[in-house]
């Protein structure tokens, strides 16, 4: 019977330097994308605060203007956190490729 390896005997895994996420177009991962409806937006910035990918775009007056689809992975947190009653200011729609 073969003995299992201990953690010191395992091969080293791949590590990526911190802060490199903006160098990759992670938006190719998504199957759904958020769609911004500016006429419904109350500019609460909940979507911006909660976006794990920093994909919500703001203008010079700190108003939401849309999404950086190169960074957005389509998690839907922005649409979920939007406090506007139905229909929301952000809806999730199927990605068309």
N, C-alpha and C. Protein backbone atom coordinates (compact mmCIF):
# COMPACT_ATOMS: atom_id res chain seq x y z
N UNK A 1 0.84 -1.18 0.00
CA UNK A 1 0.00 0.00 0.00
C UNK A 1 0.89 1.24 0.00
N UNK A 2 0.57 2.17 -0.92
CA UNK A 2 1.37 3.38 -1.06
C UNK A 2 0.94 4.43 -0.04
N UNK A 3 1.91 5.08 0.56
CA UNK A 3 1.63 6.12 1.56
C UNK A 3 1.30 7.43 0.85
N UNK A 4 0.29 8.17 1.33
CA UNK A 4 -0.06 9.47 0.77
C UNK A 4 1.04 10.48 1.06
N UNK A 5 1.23 11.40 0.12
CA UNK A 5 2.23 12.44 0.32
C UNK A 5 1.75 13.46 1.34
N UNK A 6 2.67 14.03 2.06
CA UNK A 6 2.36 15.14 2.97
C UNK A 6 2.42 16.45 2.20
N UNK A 7 2.00 17.53 2.80
CA UNK A 7 1.95 18.81 2.11
C UNK A 7 3.32 19.31 1.68
N UNK A 8 4.35 18.95 2.41
CA UNK A 8 5.71 19.39 2.06
C UNK A 8 6.23 18.68 0.82
N UNK A 9 5.65 17.54 0.48
CA UNK A 9 6.12 16.75 -0.66
C UNK A 9 5.37 17.07 -1.96
N UNK A 10 4.28 17.84 -1.86
CA UNK A 10 3.49 18.19 -3.05
C UNK A 10 4.25 19.18 -3.93
N UNK A 11 3.96 19.13 -5.24
CA UNK A 11 4.57 20.08 -6.17
C UNK A 11 4.01 21.48 -5.92
N UNK A 12 4.81 22.48 -6.24
CA UNK A 12 4.35 23.86 -6.12
C UNK A 12 3.33 24.15 -7.21
N UNK A 13 2.25 24.84 -6.83
CA UNK A 13 1.23 25.20 -7.80
C UNK A 13 1.55 26.53 -8.46
N UNK A 14 0.72 26.93 -9.39
CA UNK A 14 0.89 28.19 -10.09
C UNK A 14 0.36 29.32 -9.23
N UNK A 15 1.06 30.43 -9.18
CA UNK A 15 0.63 31.60 -8.43
C UNK A 15 0.68 32.81 -9.35
N UNK A 16 -0.33 33.66 -9.22
CA UNK A 16 -0.41 34.88 -10.02
C UNK A 16 -0.20 36.06 -9.08
N UNK A 17 0.59 37.01 -9.53
CA UNK A 17 0.86 38.18 -8.72
C UNK A 17 -0.43 38.95 -8.46
N UNK A 18 -0.57 39.53 -7.29
CA UNK A 18 -1.77 40.28 -6.92
C UNK A 18 -1.94 41.51 -7.80
N UNK A 19 -3.19 41.88 -8.05
CA UNK A 19 -3.50 43.09 -8.80
C UNK A 19 -3.39 42.96 -10.31
N UNK A 20 -3.39 41.75 -10.83
CA UNK A 20 -3.23 41.57 -12.27
C UNK A 20 -4.56 41.31 -12.98
N UNK A 21 -5.68 41.30 -12.28
CA UNK A 21 -6.96 40.95 -12.88
C UNK A 21 -7.35 41.89 -14.03
N UNK A 22 -6.97 43.16 -13.95
CA UNK A 22 -7.33 44.11 -15.01
C UNK A 22 -6.60 43.83 -16.31
N UNK A 23 -5.57 43.00 -16.28
CA UNK A 23 -4.81 42.68 -17.49
C UNK A 23 -5.51 41.62 -18.35
N UNK A 24 -6.54 40.97 -17.80
CA UNK A 24 -7.21 39.88 -18.51
C UNK A 24 -8.64 40.28 -18.84
N UNK A 25 -9.15 39.82 -19.98
CA UNK A 25 -10.53 40.07 -20.36
C UNK A 25 -11.38 38.92 -19.83
N UNK A 26 -11.78 39.03 -18.58
CA UNK A 26 -12.53 37.96 -17.93
C UNK A 26 -14.00 37.97 -18.33
N UNK A 27 -14.44 38.96 -19.09
CA UNK A 27 -15.82 39.02 -19.54
C UNK A 27 -16.21 37.88 -20.46
N UNK A 28 -15.23 37.20 -21.04
CA UNK A 28 -15.53 36.06 -21.91
C UNK A 28 -16.10 34.89 -21.14
N UNK A 29 -16.08 34.95 -19.82
CA UNK A 29 -16.56 33.84 -19.00
C UNK A 29 -18.07 33.80 -18.88
N UNK A 30 -18.74 34.91 -19.12
CA UNK A 30 -20.16 34.99 -18.74
C UNK A 30 -21.10 34.37 -19.76
N UNK A 31 -22.26 33.95 -19.25
CA UNK A 31 -23.34 33.46 -20.11
C UNK A 31 -24.51 34.45 -20.11
N UNK A 32 -24.54 35.34 -19.10
CA UNK A 32 -25.52 36.41 -19.02
C UNK A 32 -24.77 37.71 -18.81
N UNK A 33 -25.38 38.82 -19.25
CA UNK A 33 -24.75 40.11 -19.04
C UNK A 33 -25.76 41.10 -18.48
N UNK A 34 -25.27 42.05 -17.68
CA UNK A 34 -26.18 43.08 -17.16
C UNK A 34 -26.44 44.13 -18.24
N UNK A 35 -27.68 44.61 -18.27
CA UNK A 35 -28.06 45.67 -19.20
C UNK A 35 -28.57 46.83 -18.34
N UNK A 36 -28.01 48.01 -18.57
CA UNK A 36 -28.32 49.21 -17.79
C UNK A 36 -29.47 49.97 -18.44
N UNK A 37 -30.45 50.35 -17.62
CA UNK A 37 -31.60 51.13 -18.07
C UNK A 37 -31.55 52.49 -17.35
N UNK A 38 -30.88 53.48 -17.95
CA UNK A 38 -30.63 54.75 -17.26
C UNK A 38 -31.88 55.50 -16.81
N UNK A 39 -32.98 55.33 -17.52
CA UNK A 39 -34.21 56.03 -17.15
C UNK A 39 -34.79 55.54 -15.82
N UNK A 40 -34.39 54.36 -15.38
CA UNK A 40 -34.87 53.79 -14.12
C UNK A 40 -33.89 54.03 -12.96
N UNK A 41 -32.65 54.37 -13.28
CA UNK A 41 -31.58 54.46 -12.27
C UNK A 41 -31.77 55.64 -11.32
N UNK A 42 -31.64 55.39 -10.02
CA UNK A 42 -31.71 56.44 -9.00
C UNK A 42 -30.30 56.82 -8.51
N UNK A 43 -29.28 56.26 -9.12
CA UNK A 43 -27.88 56.53 -8.83
C UNK A 43 -27.51 56.30 -7.36
N UNK A 44 -27.98 55.20 -6.82
CA UNK A 44 -27.65 54.84 -5.43
C UNK A 44 -26.23 54.29 -5.31
N UNK A 45 -25.67 53.83 -6.44
CA UNK A 45 -24.33 53.25 -6.53
C UNK A 45 -24.19 51.89 -5.83
N UNK A 46 -25.31 51.25 -5.50
CA UNK A 46 -25.23 49.90 -4.90
C UNK A 46 -24.55 48.93 -5.86
N UNK A 47 -24.84 49.08 -7.16
CA UNK A 47 -24.22 48.19 -8.15
C UNK A 47 -22.71 48.39 -8.18
N UNK A 48 -22.27 49.63 -8.14
CA UNK A 48 -20.85 49.97 -8.17
C UNK A 48 -20.12 49.45 -6.94
N UNK A 49 -20.73 49.64 -5.77
CA UNK A 49 -20.12 49.21 -4.51
C UNK A 49 -20.00 47.69 -4.45
N UNK A 50 -21.00 46.99 -4.94
CA UNK A 50 -21.05 45.53 -4.78
C UNK A 50 -20.41 44.75 -5.92
N UNK A 51 -20.05 45.38 -7.01
CA UNK A 51 -19.48 44.66 -8.14
C UNK A 51 -18.09 44.12 -7.79
N UNK A 52 -17.92 42.80 -7.81
CA UNK A 52 -16.62 42.22 -7.46
C UNK A 52 -15.56 42.40 -8.55
N UNK A 53 -15.97 42.85 -9.73
CA UNK A 53 -15.03 42.97 -10.85
C UNK A 53 -14.73 44.41 -11.25
N UNK A 54 -15.28 45.39 -10.51
CA UNK A 54 -15.09 46.82 -10.86
C UNK A 54 -15.54 47.09 -12.29
N UNK A 55 -16.63 46.47 -12.69
CA UNK A 55 -17.10 46.59 -14.07
C UNK A 55 -18.15 47.67 -14.27
N UNK A 56 -18.66 48.26 -13.18
CA UNK A 56 -19.66 49.32 -13.30
C UNK A 56 -18.93 50.63 -13.61
N UNK A 57 -19.34 51.28 -14.68
CA UNK A 57 -18.68 52.51 -15.12
C UNK A 57 -19.42 53.74 -14.61
N UNK A 58 -18.66 54.73 -14.13
CA UNK A 58 -19.20 56.00 -13.67
C UNK A 58 -18.65 57.12 -14.54
N UNK A 59 -19.44 58.21 -14.69
CA UNK A 59 -18.93 59.37 -15.41
C UNK A 59 -18.22 60.29 -14.42
N UNK A 60 -17.81 61.47 -14.89
CA UNK A 60 -17.07 62.41 -14.04
C UNK A 60 -17.89 62.94 -12.88
N UNK A 61 -19.23 62.82 -12.96
CA UNK A 61 -20.12 63.26 -11.87
C UNK A 61 -20.52 62.11 -10.95
N UNK A 62 -19.85 60.98 -11.08
CA UNK A 62 -20.12 59.77 -10.30
C UNK A 62 -21.55 59.25 -10.52
N UNK A 63 -21.97 59.28 -11.77
CA UNK A 63 -23.26 58.69 -12.15
C UNK A 63 -22.98 57.45 -12.97
N UNK A 64 -23.77 56.42 -12.73
CA UNK A 64 -23.61 55.16 -13.46
C UNK A 64 -23.94 55.40 -14.94
N UNK A 65 -23.05 54.89 -15.81
CA UNK A 65 -23.27 55.05 -17.25
C UNK A 65 -23.29 53.71 -17.99
N UNK A 66 -22.96 52.63 -17.31
CA UNK A 66 -22.96 51.33 -17.97
C UNK A 66 -21.95 50.38 -17.37
N UNK A 67 -21.48 49.44 -18.20
CA UNK A 67 -20.59 48.39 -17.73
C UNK A 67 -19.39 48.21 -18.64
N UNK A 68 -18.29 47.81 -18.06
CA UNK A 68 -17.11 47.41 -18.84
C UNK A 68 -17.26 45.91 -19.06
N UNK A 69 -17.73 45.53 -20.25
CA UNK A 69 -18.00 44.12 -20.52
C UNK A 69 -16.73 43.30 -20.68
N UNK A 70 -15.58 43.93 -20.77
CA UNK A 70 -14.32 43.18 -20.78
C UNK A 70 -14.01 42.62 -19.40
N UNK A 71 -14.51 43.27 -18.35
CA UNK A 71 -14.26 42.83 -16.97
C UNK A 71 -15.43 42.06 -16.37
N UNK A 72 -16.65 42.36 -16.78
CA UNK A 72 -17.86 41.77 -16.18
C UNK A 72 -17.94 40.28 -16.45
N UNK A 73 -18.08 39.50 -15.37
CA UNK A 73 -18.20 38.04 -15.50
C UNK A 73 -19.65 37.58 -15.52
N UNK A 74 -20.60 38.51 -15.37
CA UNK A 74 -22.02 38.16 -15.44
C UNK A 74 -22.57 37.52 -14.19
N UNK A 75 -22.03 37.85 -13.03
CA UNK A 75 -22.48 37.23 -11.79
C UNK A 75 -23.89 37.66 -11.39
N UNK A 76 -24.32 38.86 -11.81
CA UNK A 76 -25.67 39.34 -11.51
C UNK A 76 -25.84 40.03 -10.17
N UNK A 77 -24.76 40.23 -9.44
CA UNK A 77 -24.85 40.91 -8.15
C UNK A 77 -25.40 42.31 -8.32
N UNK A 78 -24.98 43.01 -9.36
CA UNK A 78 -25.45 44.38 -9.60
C UNK A 78 -26.98 44.41 -9.75
N UNK A 79 -27.52 43.50 -10.52
CA UNK A 79 -28.97 43.45 -10.74
C UNK A 79 -29.70 43.05 -9.46
N UNK A 80 -29.11 42.13 -8.72
CA UNK A 80 -29.72 41.68 -7.46
C UNK A 80 -29.77 42.80 -6.43
N UNK A 81 -28.72 43.60 -6.35
CA UNK A 81 -28.62 44.66 -5.34
C UNK A 81 -29.36 45.94 -5.72
N UNK A 82 -29.77 46.07 -6.97
CA UNK A 82 -30.48 47.27 -7.41
C UNK A 82 -31.80 47.40 -6.63
N UNK A 83 -31.99 48.54 -5.89
CA UNK A 83 -33.19 48.68 -5.06
C UNK A 83 -34.43 49.16 -5.82
N UNK A 84 -34.29 49.51 -7.08
CA UNK A 84 -35.43 50.00 -7.86
C UNK A 84 -36.44 48.87 -8.04
N UNK A 85 -37.69 49.20 -7.87
CA UNK A 85 -38.76 48.21 -8.05
C UNK A 85 -38.83 47.77 -9.51
N UNK A 86 -39.44 46.62 -9.73
CA UNK A 86 -39.55 46.06 -11.10
C UNK A 86 -40.24 47.04 -12.04
N UNK A 87 -39.80 47.20 -13.24
CA UNK A 87 -38.55 46.66 -13.77
C UNK A 87 -37.36 47.44 -13.22
N UNK A 88 -36.31 46.72 -12.92
CA UNK A 88 -35.13 47.30 -12.29
C UNK A 88 -34.30 48.11 -13.28
N UNK A 89 -33.36 48.87 -12.73
CA UNK A 89 -32.46 49.68 -13.57
C UNK A 89 -31.40 48.81 -14.23
N UNK A 90 -31.20 47.60 -13.69
CA UNK A 90 -30.25 46.65 -14.28
C UNK A 90 -30.97 45.31 -14.42
N UNK A 91 -30.97 44.78 -15.62
CA UNK A 91 -31.55 43.47 -15.86
C UNK A 91 -30.47 42.56 -16.43
N UNK A 92 -30.63 41.28 -16.20
CA UNK A 92 -29.69 40.29 -16.73
C UNK A 92 -30.31 39.68 -17.97
N UNK A 93 -29.52 39.66 -19.05
CA UNK A 93 -29.99 39.09 -20.32
C UNK A 93 -28.97 38.09 -20.84
N UNK A 94 -29.45 37.13 -21.61
CA UNK A 94 -28.56 36.11 -22.16
C UNK A 94 -27.50 36.75 -23.04
N UNK A 95 -26.30 36.25 -22.92
CA UNK A 95 -25.18 36.73 -23.75
C UNK A 95 -25.33 36.16 -25.14
N UNK A 96 -25.25 37.01 -26.13
CA UNK A 96 -25.33 36.55 -27.52
C UNK A 96 -23.94 36.66 -28.13
N UNK A 97 -23.40 35.55 -28.58
CA UNK A 97 -22.05 35.56 -29.16
C UNK A 97 -22.12 35.15 -30.59
